Amino acid sequence: MARGLIGKVVSALRWYPRSHTHRYKDVDRVQWNSLGRETITSEVGRSIVPVGIYPFDLVPFTSLAAIPEISCDHPDMEKFLMNIVGSAIQAGKGKLVTCAHVAEALVASRRKGYILARLIRDGTVRYTPYPIEAAYRYADPRTDKVNPSVDLVVLISTAKSIPGLPYEIPVVKWGDSSRLGVGDPVTVGGYPYGVAMFKLHFR
């Protein structure tokens, strides 16, 4: 999907108004098979996945050969898009954390919830859905009871690697919030609601 998008971006830049093309004069020399340099933000971003539902029922897969593949230039691609209701962070093996309202949106939809994992190879991104098996609200350790004032849920998704299709979402490395102060820069990560993230619009 990323390769198709990049190709369209390159094409769009080449047809940009001539008064602005000077800044893109070396566009053919850009290493488009690279997803950028390593930063703290990109490292954290790999641990964040979209959470959502599909407008159809998915069938479990056990081998790479049994998985249908839809490319970004497929004429019916948009019929297979996930409707994103939120984002989750890979907090441990089989465990992701998200906001309670994300889990509530899944319940309200009355459909099976999924996370969407990325697999990056040679600049190409493959998205694979994995089912959410359970969701647990935050339990206050002081009372051992659910605290409804804390908007936090743990999602259970025991995603497993299969030959040719490894699950490579890394467990996030938690920082120390006590070292932050007023005025320190922060970065907010997540996915937009709906299906807009996967749609390509070029005019």
N, C-alpha and C. Protein backbone atom coordinates (compact mmCIF):
# COMPACT_ATOMS: atom_id res chain seq x y z
N MET A 1 0.83 -1.21 0.00
CA MET A 1 0.00 0.00 0.00
C MET A 1 0.86 1.25 0.00
N ALA A 2 1.95 1.24 0.81
CA ALA A 2 2.81 2.40 0.88
C ALA A 2 3.47 2.68 -0.46
N ARG A 3 3.88 1.61 -1.17
CA ARG A 3 4.55 1.80 -2.46
C ARG A 3 3.61 2.45 -3.47
N GLY A 4 2.34 2.00 -3.48
CA GLY A 4 1.38 2.59 -4.40
C GLY A 4 1.13 4.04 -4.10
N LEU A 5 1.04 4.37 -2.80
CA LEU A 5 0.81 5.75 -2.39
C LEU A 5 1.99 6.63 -2.77
N ILE A 6 3.21 6.12 -2.52
CA ILE A 6 4.41 6.90 -2.84
C ILE A 6 4.50 7.15 -4.33
N GLY A 7 4.15 6.14 -5.13
CA GLY A 7 4.20 6.32 -6.57
C GLY A 7 3.26 7.42 -7.03
N LYS A 8 2.08 7.49 -6.43
CA LYS A 8 1.13 8.53 -6.78
C LYS A 8 1.62 9.89 -6.32
N VAL A 9 2.28 9.94 -5.14
CA VAL A 9 2.82 11.21 -4.65
C VAL A 9 3.89 11.73 -5.59
N VAL A 10 4.79 10.83 -6.03
CA VAL A 10 5.84 11.23 -6.97
C VAL A 10 5.21 11.78 -8.24
N SER A 11 4.19 11.09 -8.75
CA SER A 11 3.51 11.55 -9.97
C SER A 11 2.88 12.91 -9.75
N ALA A 12 2.27 13.11 -8.58
CA ALA A 12 1.63 14.39 -8.29
C ALA A 12 2.65 15.51 -8.22
N LEU A 13 3.83 15.22 -7.65
CA LEU A 13 4.86 16.25 -7.54
C LEU A 13 5.37 16.66 -8.91
N ARG A 14 5.47 15.70 -9.82
CA ARG A 14 5.98 16.02 -11.15
C ARG A 14 5.03 16.94 -11.92
N TRP A 15 3.75 16.89 -11.58
CA TRP A 15 2.77 17.71 -12.27
C TRP A 15 2.38 18.93 -11.45
N TYR A 16 3.16 19.23 -10.40
CA TYR A 16 2.88 20.40 -9.57
C TYR A 16 3.17 21.67 -10.38
N PRO A 17 2.50 22.80 -10.09
CA PRO A 17 2.76 24.05 -10.82
C PRO A 17 4.25 24.37 -10.87
N ARG A 18 4.72 24.82 -12.05
CA ARG A 18 6.16 25.02 -12.26
C ARG A 18 6.77 25.99 -11.24
N SER A 19 6.00 26.96 -10.76
CA SER A 19 6.55 27.93 -9.81
C SER A 19 6.96 27.29 -8.50
N HIS A 20 6.47 26.05 -8.23
CA HIS A 20 6.78 25.40 -6.96
C HIS A 20 7.69 24.18 -7.14
N THR A 21 8.03 23.84 -8.38
CA THR A 21 8.76 22.59 -8.59
C THR A 21 10.23 22.69 -8.22
N HIS A 22 10.76 23.90 -8.00
CA HIS A 22 12.18 24.02 -7.68
C HIS A 22 12.54 23.26 -6.42
N ARG A 23 11.61 23.18 -5.48
CA ARG A 23 11.91 22.50 -4.22
C ARG A 23 11.87 20.98 -4.37
N TYR A 24 11.34 20.49 -5.51
CA TYR A 24 11.24 19.06 -5.73
C TYR A 24 12.12 18.61 -6.90
N LYS A 25 13.13 19.40 -7.24
CA LYS A 25 13.92 19.10 -8.42
C LYS A 25 14.69 17.79 -8.31
N ASP A 26 14.96 17.33 -7.08
CA ASP A 26 15.69 16.09 -6.90
C ASP A 26 14.78 14.94 -6.51
N VAL A 27 13.48 15.04 -6.85
CA VAL A 27 12.51 14.04 -6.40
C VAL A 27 12.86 12.64 -6.90
N ASP A 28 13.49 12.52 -8.08
CA ASP A 28 13.84 11.20 -8.61
C ASP A 28 15.00 10.56 -7.85
N ARG A 29 15.70 11.35 -7.04
CA ARG A 29 16.84 10.82 -6.30
C ARG A 29 16.45 10.38 -4.89
N VAL A 30 15.20 10.63 -4.51
CA VAL A 30 14.75 10.25 -3.18
C VAL A 30 14.66 8.73 -3.07
N GLN A 31 15.10 8.17 -1.94
CA GLN A 31 15.03 6.73 -1.73
C GLN A 31 13.62 6.38 -1.23
N TRP A 32 12.71 6.16 -2.18
CA TRP A 32 11.31 5.95 -1.83
C TRP A 32 11.07 4.61 -1.15
N ASN A 33 12.03 3.70 -1.19
CA ASN A 33 11.85 2.43 -0.50
C ASN A 33 12.22 2.54 0.98
N SER A 34 12.54 3.74 1.45
CA SER A 34 12.83 3.98 2.86
C SER A 34 11.63 4.66 3.51
N LEU A 35 11.35 4.30 4.76
CA LEU A 35 10.25 4.92 5.51
C LEU A 35 10.76 6.01 6.44
N GLY A 36 11.98 6.47 6.21
CA GLY A 36 12.49 7.59 7.01
C GLY A 36 13.52 7.15 8.03
N ARG A 37 14.15 8.15 8.63
CA ARG A 37 15.19 7.86 9.61
C ARG A 37 14.57 7.46 10.95
N GLU A 38 15.37 6.79 11.76
CA GLU A 38 14.91 6.34 13.06
C GLU A 38 14.88 7.51 14.05
N THR A 39 13.74 7.68 14.70
CA THR A 39 13.60 8.68 15.76
C THR A 39 12.82 8.05 16.90
N ILE A 40 12.76 8.73 18.03
CA ILE A 40 11.96 8.23 19.15
C ILE A 40 10.50 8.13 18.74
N THR A 41 10.05 9.12 17.98
CA THR A 41 8.65 9.12 17.54
C THR A 41 8.35 7.94 16.63
N SER A 42 9.24 7.65 15.67
CA SER A 42 8.99 6.52 14.77
C SER A 42 9.05 5.19 15.52
N GLU A 43 9.91 5.12 16.53
CA GLU A 43 10.01 3.90 17.33
C GLU A 43 8.72 3.65 18.10
N VAL A 44 8.19 4.69 18.73
CA VAL A 44 6.93 4.56 19.46
C VAL A 44 5.78 4.26 18.49
N GLY A 45 5.81 4.92 17.33
CA GLY A 45 4.74 4.75 16.34
C GLY A 45 4.56 3.32 15.88
N ARG A 46 5.64 2.53 15.87
CA ARG A 46 5.53 1.14 15.44
C ARG A 46 4.75 0.30 16.45
N SER A 47 4.61 0.79 17.67
CA SER A 47 3.88 0.05 18.71
C SER A 47 2.41 0.44 18.77
N ILE A 48 1.99 1.38 17.91
CA ILE A 48 0.60 1.84 17.89
C ILE A 48 -0.12 1.22 16.69
N VAL A 49 -1.29 0.64 16.94
CA VAL A 49 -2.05 -0.01 15.86
C VAL A 49 -3.48 0.51 15.86
N PRO A 50 -4.12 0.53 14.68
CA PRO A 50 -5.54 0.91 14.62
C PRO A 50 -6.43 -0.22 15.14
N VAL A 51 -7.54 0.18 15.73
CA VAL A 51 -8.55 -0.76 16.24
C VAL A 51 -9.85 -0.47 15.52
N GLY A 52 -10.54 -1.51 15.06
CA GLY A 52 -11.78 -1.24 14.35
C GLY A 52 -12.57 -2.48 13.99
N ILE A 53 -13.48 -2.30 13.05
CA ILE A 53 -14.37 -3.37 12.62
C ILE A 53 -14.41 -3.41 11.10
N TYR A 54 -14.90 -4.52 10.56
CA TYR A 54 -15.06 -4.68 9.12
C TYR A 54 -16.54 -4.83 8.78
N PRO A 55 -16.94 -4.44 7.58
CA PRO A 55 -18.34 -4.57 7.19
C PRO A 55 -18.72 -5.98 6.74
N PHE A 56 -17.83 -6.93 6.95
CA PHE A 56 -18.07 -8.32 6.57
C PHE A 56 -17.38 -9.22 7.59
N ASP A 57 -17.67 -10.50 7.56
CA ASP A 57 -17.07 -11.45 8.50
C ASP A 57 -15.75 -11.97 7.95
N LEU A 58 -14.72 -11.93 8.79
CA LEU A 58 -13.41 -12.42 8.39
C LEU A 58 -13.28 -13.90 8.77
N VAL A 59 -12.54 -14.64 7.96
CA VAL A 59 -12.32 -16.06 8.20
C VAL A 59 -10.91 -16.24 8.76
N PRO A 60 -10.74 -16.99 9.86
CA PRO A 60 -9.40 -17.21 10.42
C PRO A 60 -8.47 -17.86 9.39
N PHE A 61 -7.19 -17.48 9.45
CA PHE A 61 -6.22 -18.06 8.52
C PHE A 61 -5.15 -18.83 9.28
N THR A 62 -4.61 -19.85 8.64
CA THR A 62 -3.58 -20.67 9.27
C THR A 62 -2.30 -20.73 8.44
N SER A 63 -2.38 -20.25 7.22
CA SER A 63 -1.19 -20.26 6.36
C SER A 63 -1.20 -19.03 5.47
N LEU A 64 -0.03 -18.64 5.00
CA LEU A 64 0.10 -17.47 4.15
C LEU A 64 -0.63 -17.67 2.83
N ALA A 65 -0.62 -18.89 2.32
CA ALA A 65 -1.26 -19.17 1.03
C ALA A 65 -2.78 -19.00 1.10
N ALA A 66 -3.34 -19.12 2.31
CA ALA A 66 -4.80 -19.04 2.45
C ALA A 66 -5.30 -17.61 2.62
N ILE A 67 -4.40 -16.63 2.66
CA ILE A 67 -4.79 -15.25 2.90
C ILE A 67 -4.97 -14.52 1.58
N PRO A 68 -6.16 -14.00 1.31
CA PRO A 68 -6.34 -13.19 0.10
C PRO A 68 -5.63 -11.85 0.26
N GLU A 69 -5.05 -11.36 -0.80
CA GLU A 69 -4.30 -10.10 -0.73
C GLU A 69 -4.95 -9.06 -1.65
N ILE A 70 -5.24 -7.91 -1.08
CA ILE A 70 -5.86 -6.81 -1.82
C ILE A 70 -4.87 -5.66 -1.89
N SER A 71 -4.45 -5.27 -3.07
CA SER A 71 -3.50 -4.17 -3.22
C SER A 71 -4.25 -2.84 -3.26
N CYS A 72 -3.50 -1.74 -3.06
CA CYS A 72 -4.12 -0.42 -3.01
C CYS A 72 -4.67 0.02 -4.36
N ASP A 73 -4.27 -0.63 -5.45
CA ASP A 73 -4.80 -0.26 -6.76
C ASP A 73 -5.90 -1.22 -7.23
N HIS A 74 -6.36 -2.10 -6.35
CA HIS A 74 -7.47 -3.00 -6.69
C HIS A 74 -8.75 -2.17 -6.83
N PRO A 75 -9.55 -2.39 -7.87
CA PRO A 75 -10.74 -1.55 -8.09
C PRO A 75 -11.76 -1.61 -6.94
N ASP A 76 -11.78 -2.70 -6.18
CA ASP A 76 -12.72 -2.83 -5.07
C ASP A 76 -12.05 -2.67 -3.72
N MET A 77 -10.85 -2.06 -3.71
CA MET A 77 -10.07 -1.97 -2.49
C MET A 77 -10.85 -1.36 -1.32
N GLU A 78 -11.62 -0.30 -1.59
CA GLU A 78 -12.29 0.42 -0.51
C GLU A 78 -13.40 -0.40 0.15
N LYS A 79 -13.84 -1.47 -0.49
CA LYS A 79 -14.86 -2.33 0.11
C LYS A 79 -14.29 -3.18 1.23
N PHE A 80 -12.95 -3.28 1.30
CA PHE A 80 -12.30 -4.15 2.27
C PHE A 80 -11.62 -3.36 3.40
N LEU A 81 -11.90 -2.08 3.50
CA LEU A 81 -11.22 -1.25 4.49
C LEU A 81 -11.80 -1.43 5.89
N MET A 82 -10.92 -1.34 6.87
CA MET A 82 -11.35 -1.35 8.26
C MET A 82 -11.97 -0.01 8.62
N ASN A 83 -13.07 -0.04 9.36
CA ASN A 83 -13.65 1.18 9.92
C ASN A 83 -13.00 1.39 11.29
N ILE A 84 -12.10 2.34 11.37
CA ILE A 84 -11.31 2.53 12.60
C ILE A 84 -12.12 3.26 13.66
N VAL A 85 -12.11 2.71 14.88
CA VAL A 85 -12.81 3.35 16.00
C VAL A 85 -11.83 3.89 17.04
N GLY A 86 -10.53 3.62 16.87
CA GLY A 86 -9.55 4.12 17.82
C GLY A 86 -8.18 3.51 17.58
N SER A 87 -7.29 3.69 18.53
CA SER A 87 -5.93 3.19 18.45
C SER A 87 -5.58 2.45 19.73
N ALA A 88 -4.58 1.56 19.64
CA ALA A 88 -4.12 0.82 20.82
C ALA A 88 -2.60 0.74 20.81
N ILE A 89 -2.03 0.56 21.98
CA ILE A 89 -0.57 0.46 22.13
C ILE A 89 -0.22 -0.95 22.58
N GLN A 90 0.74 -1.56 21.89
CA GLN A 90 1.21 -2.89 22.27
C GLN A 90 1.98 -2.78 23.58
N ALA A 91 1.36 -3.23 24.67
CA ALA A 91 1.96 -3.05 26.00
C ALA A 91 2.66 -4.29 26.51
N GLY A 92 2.38 -5.42 25.90
CA GLY A 92 2.98 -6.68 26.30
C GLY A 92 2.58 -7.74 25.30
N LYS A 93 3.07 -8.96 25.49
CA LYS A 93 2.74 -10.04 24.57
C LYS A 93 1.25 -10.38 24.67
N GLY A 94 0.53 -10.15 23.58
CA GLY A 94 -0.90 -10.43 23.58
C GLY A 94 -1.75 -9.39 24.27
N LYS A 95 -1.14 -8.30 24.74
CA LYS A 95 -1.88 -7.28 25.49
C LYS A 95 -1.65 -5.90 24.89
N LEU A 96 -2.75 -5.17 24.69
CA LEU A 96 -2.68 -3.81 24.19
C LEU A 96 -3.52 -2.92 25.09
N VAL A 97 -3.13 -1.66 25.23
CA VAL A 97 -3.90 -0.73 26.04
C VAL A 97 -4.54 0.31 25.12
N THR A 98 -5.75 0.71 25.49
CA THR A 98 -6.47 1.72 24.74
C THR A 98 -7.43 2.41 25.68
N CYS A 99 -8.18 3.36 25.16
CA CYS A 99 -9.17 4.06 25.97
C CYS A 99 -10.45 3.23 26.07
N ALA A 100 -11.16 3.38 27.17
CA ALA A 100 -12.39 2.60 27.38
C ALA A 100 -13.42 2.90 26.31
N HIS A 101 -13.46 4.15 25.84
CA HIS A 101 -14.48 4.48 24.84
C HIS A 101 -14.22 3.78 23.51
N VAL A 102 -12.98 3.36 23.26
CA VAL A 102 -12.69 2.59 22.04
C VAL A 102 -13.34 1.21 22.15
N ALA A 103 -13.17 0.56 23.30
CA ALA A 103 -13.80 -0.75 23.51
C ALA A 103 -15.33 -0.62 23.49
N GLU A 104 -15.84 0.47 24.03
CA GLU A 104 -17.30 0.68 24.04
C GLU A 104 -17.83 0.85 22.63
N ALA A 105 -17.04 1.48 21.75
CA ALA A 105 -17.46 1.63 20.35
C ALA A 105 -17.52 0.28 19.65
N LEU A 106 -16.59 -0.62 19.99
CA LEU A 106 -16.62 -1.96 19.41
C LEU A 106 -17.87 -2.70 19.86
N VAL A 107 -18.18 -2.60 21.15
CA VAL A 107 -19.37 -3.28 21.68
C VAL A 107 -20.63 -2.72 21.02
N ALA A 108 -20.69 -1.39 20.88
CA ALA A 108 -21.87 -0.75 20.29
C ALA A 108 -22.06 -1.15 18.83
N SER A 109 -20.99 -1.48 18.14
CA SER A 109 -21.10 -1.85 16.73
C SER A 109 -21.70 -3.24 16.54
N ARG A 110 -21.65 -4.06 17.60
CA ARG A 110 -22.16 -5.44 17.54
C ARG A 110 -21.42 -6.28 16.51
N ARG A 111 -20.17 -5.91 16.24
CA ARG A 111 -19.35 -6.69 15.32
C ARG A 111 -18.04 -7.05 16.01
N LYS A 112 -17.36 -8.04 15.46
CA LYS A 112 -16.09 -8.47 16.00
C LYS A 112 -15.05 -7.38 15.83
N GLY A 113 -14.28 -7.11 16.88
CA GLY A 113 -13.24 -6.09 16.81
C GLY A 113 -11.90 -6.68 16.39
N TYR A 114 -11.09 -5.85 15.71
CA TYR A 114 -9.78 -6.29 15.23
C TYR A 114 -8.74 -5.19 15.46
N ILE A 115 -7.50 -5.63 15.57
CA ILE A 115 -6.38 -4.71 15.45
C ILE A 115 -5.77 -4.95 14.08
N LEU A 116 -5.09 -3.94 13.55
CA LEU A 116 -4.52 -4.04 12.21
C LEU A 116 -3.00 -3.90 12.32
N ALA A 117 -2.29 -5.00 12.10
CA ALA A 117 -0.84 -5.00 12.26
C ALA A 117 -0.15 -4.71 10.94
N ARG A 118 0.98 -4.03 11.01
CA ARG A 118 1.77 -3.70 9.83
C ARG A 118 2.97 -4.65 9.70
N LEU A 119 3.29 -5.00 8.49
CA LEU A 119 4.51 -5.75 8.20
C LEU A 119 5.22 -4.99 7.09
N ILE A 120 6.41 -4.50 7.35
CA ILE A 120 7.14 -3.66 6.40
C ILE A 120 8.31 -4.43 5.80
N ARG A 121 8.30 -4.52 4.48
CA ARG A 121 9.39 -5.18 3.76
C ARG A 121 9.74 -4.37 2.51
N ASP A 122 10.99 -3.94 2.41
CA ASP A 122 11.48 -3.23 1.22
C ASP A 122 10.61 -2.03 0.87
N GLY A 123 10.17 -1.29 1.88
CA GLY A 123 9.37 -0.10 1.63
C GLY A 123 7.90 -0.36 1.36
N THR A 124 7.49 -1.62 1.35
CA THR A 124 6.08 -1.96 1.15
C THR A 124 5.46 -2.33 2.49
N VAL A 125 4.25 -1.83 2.73
CA VAL A 125 3.56 -2.09 3.99
C VAL A 125 2.38 -3.02 3.74
N ARG A 126 2.34 -4.14 4.46
CA ARG A 126 1.21 -5.07 4.39
C ARG A 126 0.44 -4.98 5.71
N TYR A 127 -0.87 -4.80 5.62
CA TYR A 127 -1.72 -4.73 6.81
C TYR A 127 -2.48 -6.04 6.97
N THR A 128 -2.43 -6.60 8.17
CA THR A 128 -3.10 -7.86 8.46
C THR A 128 -3.96 -7.71 9.71
N PRO A 129 -5.24 -8.08 9.65
CA PRO A 129 -6.11 -7.97 10.84
C PRO A 129 -5.95 -9.16 11.78
N TYR A 130 -6.00 -8.88 13.07
CA TYR A 130 -5.98 -9.93 14.10
C TYR A 130 -7.14 -9.67 15.05
N PRO A 131 -7.90 -10.72 15.42
CA PRO A 131 -9.09 -10.51 16.25
C PRO A 131 -8.77 -10.14 17.68
N ILE A 132 -9.65 -9.32 18.25
CA ILE A 132 -9.58 -8.99 19.68
C ILE A 132 -10.42 -10.02 20.42
N GLU A 133 -9.81 -10.69 21.37
CA GLU A 133 -10.48 -11.80 22.05
C GLU A 133 -11.21 -11.37 23.31
N ALA A 134 -10.73 -10.32 23.97
CA ALA A 134 -11.37 -9.86 25.20
C ALA A 134 -10.92 -8.45 25.51
N ALA A 135 -11.66 -7.78 26.38
CA ALA A 135 -11.31 -6.43 26.82
C ALA A 135 -11.62 -6.32 28.31
N TYR A 136 -10.68 -5.74 29.06
CA TYR A 136 -10.83 -5.61 30.50
C TYR A 136 -10.62 -4.16 30.92
N ARG A 137 -11.57 -3.63 31.69
CA ARG A 137 -11.46 -2.26 32.17
C ARG A 137 -10.43 -2.17 33.28
N TYR A 138 -9.95 -0.95 33.49
CA TYR A 138 -8.95 -0.69 34.51
C TYR A 138 -9.51 -0.99 35.90
N ALA A 139 -8.77 -1.78 36.66
CA ALA A 139 -9.14 -2.08 38.04
C ALA A 139 -8.18 -1.33 38.97
N ASP A 140 -8.74 -0.51 39.84
CA ASP A 140 -7.93 0.29 40.77
C ASP A 140 -7.27 -0.63 41.79
N PRO A 141 -5.93 -0.64 41.86
CA PRO A 141 -5.24 -1.54 42.80
C PRO A 141 -5.55 -1.23 44.26
N ARG A 142 -6.05 -0.02 44.53
CA ARG A 142 -6.37 0.33 45.93
C ARG A 142 -7.66 -0.33 46.39
N THR A 143 -8.57 -0.58 45.45
CA THR A 143 -9.86 -1.16 45.82
C THR A 143 -10.11 -2.51 45.15
N ASP A 144 -9.27 -2.86 44.17
CA ASP A 144 -9.44 -4.09 43.40
C ASP A 144 -10.79 -4.11 42.68
N LYS A 145 -11.27 -2.91 42.32
CA LYS A 145 -12.53 -2.78 41.61
C LYS A 145 -12.34 -1.87 40.40
N VAL A 146 -13.23 -2.00 39.43
CA VAL A 146 -13.17 -1.16 38.24
C VAL A 146 -13.41 0.29 38.65
N ASN A 147 -12.55 1.17 38.14
CA ASN A 147 -12.68 2.60 38.42
C ASN A 147 -13.21 3.27 37.14
N PRO A 148 -14.50 3.60 37.07
CA PRO A 148 -15.07 4.15 35.84
C PRO A 148 -14.54 5.52 35.46
N SER A 149 -13.86 6.20 36.40
CA SER A 149 -13.33 7.53 36.09
C SER A 149 -12.02 7.45 35.31
N VAL A 150 -11.45 6.25 35.18
CA VAL A 150 -10.21 6.07 34.42
C VAL A 150 -10.56 5.46 33.07
N ASP A 151 -10.29 6.21 32.01
CA ASP A 151 -10.66 5.80 30.65
C ASP A 151 -9.58 4.88 30.07
N LEU A 152 -9.50 3.66 30.60
CA LEU A 152 -8.43 2.75 30.21
C LEU A 152 -8.95 1.32 30.12
N VAL A 153 -8.53 0.62 29.07
CA VAL A 153 -8.92 -0.77 28.85
C VAL A 153 -7.71 -1.55 28.34
N VAL A 154 -7.63 -2.81 28.73
CA VAL A 154 -6.62 -3.72 28.17
C VAL A 154 -7.32 -4.63 27.18
N LEU A 155 -6.81 -4.67 25.95
CA LEU A 155 -7.33 -5.57 24.92
C LEU A 155 -6.45 -6.81 24.85
N ILE A 156 -7.08 -7.97 24.72
CA ILE A 156 -6.34 -9.22 24.57
C ILE A 156 -6.44 -9.67 23.11
N SER A 157 -5.29 -9.77 22.48
CA SER A 157 -5.22 -10.27 21.10
C SER A 157 -3.95 -11.09 20.98
N THR A 158 -4.09 -12.39 21.08
CA THR A 158 -2.92 -13.27 21.06
C THR A 158 -2.49 -13.54 19.62
N ALA A 159 -2.10 -12.48 18.95
CA ALA A 159 -1.66 -12.59 17.55
C ALA A 159 -0.41 -13.46 17.47
N LYS A 160 -0.43 -14.40 16.54
CA LYS A 160 0.69 -15.32 16.40
C LYS A 160 1.30 -15.20 15.00
N SER A 161 2.60 -15.37 14.96
CA SER A 161 3.30 -15.37 13.67
C SER A 161 3.11 -16.71 12.99
N ILE A 162 3.04 -16.68 11.67
CA ILE A 162 3.03 -17.90 10.87
C ILE A 162 4.14 -17.76 9.84
N PRO A 163 4.61 -18.85 9.28
CA PRO A 163 5.69 -18.76 8.28
C PRO A 163 5.33 -17.80 7.14
N GLY A 164 6.20 -16.84 6.92
CA GLY A 164 5.99 -15.86 5.87
C GLY A 164 5.19 -14.65 6.31
N LEU A 165 4.58 -14.71 7.49
CA LEU A 165 3.78 -13.58 7.97
C LEU A 165 3.98 -13.41 9.48
N PRO A 166 5.13 -12.85 9.88
CA PRO A 166 5.39 -12.66 11.30
C PRO A 166 4.60 -11.48 11.86
N TYR A 167 4.27 -11.57 13.14
CA TYR A 167 3.64 -10.46 13.84
C TYR A 167 4.77 -9.65 14.46
N GLU A 168 4.99 -8.44 13.95
CA GLU A 168 6.18 -7.68 14.33
C GLU A 168 5.86 -6.35 15.03
N ILE A 169 4.71 -6.24 15.66
CA ILE A 169 4.41 -5.02 16.41
C ILE A 169 5.19 -5.09 17.72
N PRO A 170 6.15 -4.21 17.93
CA PRO A 170 6.99 -4.30 19.14
C PRO A 170 6.27 -3.80 20.38
N VAL A 171 6.64 -4.36 21.51
CA VAL A 171 6.12 -3.87 22.79
C VAL A 171 6.72 -2.49 23.04
N VAL A 172 5.87 -1.54 23.42
CA VAL A 172 6.32 -0.17 23.61
C VAL A 172 7.28 -0.07 24.80
N LYS A 173 8.22 0.84 24.71
CA LYS A 173 9.12 1.11 25.84
C LYS A 173 8.56 2.30 26.61
N TRP A 174 8.12 2.06 27.82
CA TRP A 174 7.50 3.12 28.62
C TRP A 174 8.54 4.08 29.16
N GLY A 175 8.21 5.35 29.15
CA GLY A 175 9.09 6.37 29.69
C GLY A 175 8.74 6.70 31.14
N ASP A 176 9.31 7.76 31.65
CA ASP A 176 9.08 8.18 33.03
C ASP A 176 8.41 9.55 33.00
N SER A 177 7.09 9.57 33.24
CA SER A 177 6.34 10.83 33.16
C SER A 177 6.73 11.82 34.25
N SER A 178 7.39 11.34 35.31
CA SER A 178 7.81 12.27 36.38
C SER A 178 8.92 13.20 35.91
N ARG A 179 9.54 12.88 34.77
CA ARG A 179 10.61 13.72 34.24
C ARG A 179 10.10 14.80 33.30
N LEU A 180 8.77 14.80 33.05
CA LEU A 180 8.16 15.82 32.20
C LEU A 180 7.73 17.02 33.03
N GLY A 181 7.76 18.17 32.41
CA GLY A 181 7.32 19.39 33.08
C GLY A 181 6.48 20.25 32.16
N VAL A 182 5.88 21.27 32.71
CA VAL A 182 5.06 22.18 31.91
C VAL A 182 5.93 22.84 30.84
N GLY A 183 5.46 22.81 29.61
CA GLY A 183 6.19 23.42 28.50
C GLY A 183 7.06 22.45 27.72
N ASP A 184 7.21 21.20 28.21
CA ASP A 184 7.99 20.22 27.46
C ASP A 184 7.21 19.79 26.21
N PRO A 185 7.91 19.60 25.10
CA PRO A 185 7.21 19.16 23.88
C PRO A 185 6.76 17.70 24.00
N VAL A 186 5.59 17.41 23.46
CA VAL A 186 5.08 16.03 23.44
C VAL A 186 4.57 15.74 22.04
N THR A 187 4.49 14.47 21.70
CA THR A 187 3.96 14.03 20.41
C THR A 187 2.75 13.14 20.67
N VAL A 188 1.66 13.40 19.97
CA VAL A 188 0.45 12.60 20.10
C VAL A 188 0.32 11.70 18.88
N GLY A 189 0.13 10.41 19.11
CA GLY A 189 0.02 9.47 18.00
C GLY A 189 -1.32 8.75 18.01
N GLY A 190 -1.77 8.34 16.84
CA GLY A 190 -3.03 7.62 16.76
C GLY A 190 -3.51 7.55 15.33
N TYR A 191 -4.68 6.97 15.13
CA TYR A 191 -5.25 6.79 13.80
C TYR A 191 -6.59 7.51 13.71
N PRO A 192 -6.90 8.08 12.54
CA PRO A 192 -8.18 8.78 12.37
C PRO A 192 -9.34 7.81 12.33
N TYR A 193 -10.51 8.29 12.75
CA TYR A 193 -11.70 7.45 12.72
C TYR A 193 -12.12 7.15 11.28
N GLY A 194 -12.90 6.09 11.12
CA GLY A 194 -13.45 5.77 9.81
C GLY A 194 -12.45 5.04 8.93
N VAL A 195 -12.56 5.25 7.63
CA VAL A 195 -11.72 4.56 6.66
C VAL A 195 -10.84 5.52 5.87
N ALA A 196 -10.85 6.79 6.24
CA ALA A 196 -10.16 7.82 5.44
C ALA A 196 -8.66 7.59 5.35
N MET A 197 -8.05 6.94 6.36
CA MET A 197 -6.61 6.76 6.35
C MET A 197 -6.14 5.97 5.14
N PHE A 198 -6.97 5.04 4.65
CA PHE A 198 -6.56 4.15 3.58
C PHE A 198 -7.04 4.61 2.20
N LYS A 199 -7.84 5.66 2.15
CA LYS A 199 -8.33 6.13 0.87
C LYS A 199 -7.34 7.08 0.23
N LEU A 200 -7.21 7.00 -1.08
CA LEU A 200 -6.28 7.85 -1.81
C LEU A 200 -7.06 8.88 -2.60
N HIS A 201 -6.77 10.16 -2.34
CA HIS A 201 -7.48 11.22 -3.04
C HIS A 201 -6.46 12.13 -3.71
N PHE A 202 -6.44 12.14 -5.04
CA PHE A 202 -5.55 13.02 -5.79
C PHE A 202 -6.36 13.76 -6.83
N ARG A 203 -6.20 15.08 -6.85
CA ARG A 203 -6.91 15.89 -7.83
C ARG A 203 -5.91 16.69 -8.65
